[in-house]
Amino acid sequence: MKFRAAVLILILLSCNSESENCSNFKNGTFIYPNITGTEVNRNGGVQTETNALKGYVETYSVTWTGPCEYYLLLKETTDSSNIIGPYDTLFIEIVERTDTSYRYRSKALGMEFDGEMIKISE
């Protein structure tokens, strides 16, 4: 009986730590599979999104608040059609992940968005 309890505890702990290990996504180059031409570079506390097709660049400060949660504060944008303006904040929660991609839920200005990012390089 003690053996079963120990195995159950180990399984639960390994599942929990595995589900909350998003450190692979704190830095690197990413793309959005549903937004053609946008490349995201995240390094430390800065994220830059560039869309060469539409000709815009956005710069965010990144603050990780948990293993799989972070805030993006828009610092600068050249995209006048963006609904997010300078100094607006997005809350991002990684809800599902693989080794090279993640699905997220974001909240900003009373709206919620779901999306996916694919890591293409370190």
Protein backbone atom coordinates (compact mmCIF):
# COMPACT_ATOMS: atom_id res chain seq x y z
CA MET A 1 0.00 0.00 0.00
CA LYS A 2 2.81 2.43 0.84
CA PHE A 3 4.46 1.58 -2.49
CA ARG A 4 1.29 2.49 -4.41
CA ALA A 5 1.01 5.79 -2.57
CA ALA A 6 4.65 6.61 -3.30
CA VAL A 7 4.22 5.79 -7.01
CA LEU A 8 1.07 7.91 -7.19
CA ILE A 9 2.84 10.86 -5.56
CA LEU A 10 5.78 10.54 -7.99
CA ILE A 11 3.45 10.45 -10.98
CA LEU A 12 1.54 13.51 -9.79
CA LEU A 13 4.72 15.46 -9.10
CA SER A 14 6.27 14.59 -12.46
CA CYS A 15 3.08 15.56 -14.32
CA ASN A 16 2.86 18.85 -12.48
CA SER A 17 6.47 19.84 -13.05
CA GLU A 18 6.29 18.78 -16.69
CA SER A 19 3.14 20.80 -17.31
CA GLU A 20 4.70 23.91 -15.79
CA ASN A 21 8.08 23.80 -17.53
CA CYS A 22 7.87 26.60 -20.09
CA SER A 23 11.45 27.84 -19.73
CA ASN A 24 12.17 26.76 -23.33
CA PHE A 25 9.94 29.63 -24.49
CA LYS A 26 11.52 32.49 -22.55
CA ASN A 27 14.07 33.18 -25.31
CA GLY A 28 14.24 32.45 -29.01
CA THR A 29 12.72 33.18 -32.40
CA PHE A 30 9.09 32.26 -33.00
CA ILE A 31 6.40 32.49 -35.66
CA TYR A 32 2.62 32.58 -35.51
CA PRO A 33 1.38 29.86 -37.87
CA ASN A 34 -1.79 31.84 -38.66
CA ILE A 35 -0.10 35.25 -39.27
CA THR A 36 1.96 35.23 -42.46
CA GLY A 37 5.24 37.12 -42.34
CA THR A 38 5.45 37.81 -38.60
CA GLU A 39 8.60 36.83 -36.73
CA VAL A 40 8.93 37.18 -32.96
CA ASN A 41 12.31 37.54 -31.25
CA ARG A 42 12.25 37.19 -27.47
CA ASN A 43 15.42 37.75 -25.48
CA GLY A 44 15.30 38.29 -21.74
CA GLY A 45 12.89 41.08 -20.98
CA VAL A 46 12.35 42.27 -24.57
CA GLN A 47 10.14 40.89 -27.34
CA THR A 48 10.19 42.32 -30.87
CA GLU A 49 7.57 41.38 -33.46
CA THR A 50 8.33 42.18 -37.08
CA ASN A 51 6.04 41.70 -40.06
CA ALA A 52 8.00 42.35 -43.24
CA LEU A 53 4.91 41.93 -45.45
CA LYS A 54 2.87 44.58 -43.65
CA GLY A 55 5.90 46.66 -42.69
CA TYR A 56 5.44 46.96 -38.94
CA VAL A 57 7.61 46.47 -35.88
CA GLU A 58 6.37 46.19 -32.30
CA THR A 59 8.52 46.17 -29.18
CA TYR A 60 7.27 44.78 -25.87
CA SER A 61 8.76 44.42 -22.43
CA VAL A 62 8.30 40.88 -21.09
CA THR A 63 7.67 40.07 -17.42
CA TRP A 64 7.32 36.41 -16.44
CA THR A 65 5.01 36.06 -13.42
CA GLY A 66 4.95 32.27 -13.25
CA PRO A 67 6.44 29.25 -14.99
CA CYS A 68 3.97 29.55 -17.89
CA GLU A 69 2.53 33.06 -17.50
CA TYR A 70 3.84 36.43 -18.56
CA TYR A 71 2.87 40.00 -19.31
CA LEU A 72 3.69 41.90 -22.49
CA LEU A 73 3.75 45.68 -22.23
CA LEU A 74 3.68 47.33 -25.64
CA LYS A 75 6.45 49.94 -25.69
CA GLU A 76 6.51 50.92 -29.38
CA THR A 77 4.62 50.08 -32.55
CA THR A 78 4.65 51.21 -36.17
CA ASP A 79 1.29 49.47 -36.78
CA SER A 80 -1.40 52.15 -36.61
CA SER A 81 -4.16 49.54 -37.08
CA ASN A 82 -3.25 47.58 -33.93
CA ILE A 83 -6.02 47.58 -31.32
CA ILE A 84 -3.34 47.40 -28.62
CA GLY A 85 -1.71 50.78 -28.09
CA PRO A 86 1.55 51.86 -26.50
CA TYR A 87 1.68 50.98 -22.79
CA ASP A 88 -1.25 48.57 -23.03
CA THR A 89 -0.59 45.24 -21.34
CA LEU A 90 -1.40 41.73 -22.50
CA PHE A 91 -1.54 38.83 -20.05
CA ILE A 92 -0.39 35.57 -21.66
CA GLU A 93 -1.00 32.10 -20.23
CA ILE A 94 0.56 29.08 -21.91
CA VAL A 95 -2.17 26.45 -21.80
CA GLU A 96 -0.64 23.64 -23.87
CA ARG A 97 2.84 22.96 -25.15
CA THR A 98 5.13 20.66 -27.07
CA ASP A 99 8.93 20.82 -27.27
CA THR A 100 8.82 23.46 -30.03
CA SER A 101 5.42 25.16 -29.81
CA TYR A 102 2.75 26.34 -27.46
CA ARG A 103 -0.89 27.33 -27.43
CA TYR A 104 -1.75 30.37 -25.38
CA ARG A 105 -4.65 32.39 -24.08
CA SER A 106 -4.15 36.13 -23.83
CA LYS A 107 -6.21 38.89 -22.27
CA ALA A 108 -6.08 42.61 -23.00
CA LEU A 109 -8.51 45.51 -22.88
CA GLY A 110 -11.34 43.23 -21.71
CA MET A 111 -10.88 40.85 -24.66
CA GLU A 112 -9.53 37.30 -24.84
CA PHE A 113 -7.51 35.78 -27.67
CA ASP A 114 -6.26 32.25 -28.28
CA GLY A 115 -3.29 31.50 -30.45
CA GLU A 116 -0.23 29.42 -31.11
CA MET A 117 3.49 30.14 -31.41
CA ILE A 118 6.14 27.90 -32.96
CA LYS A 119 9.75 28.18 -31.91
CA ILE A 120 12.03 28.12 -34.95
CA SER A 121 15.40 28.81 -33.30
CA GLU A 122 17.16 29.60 -30.05
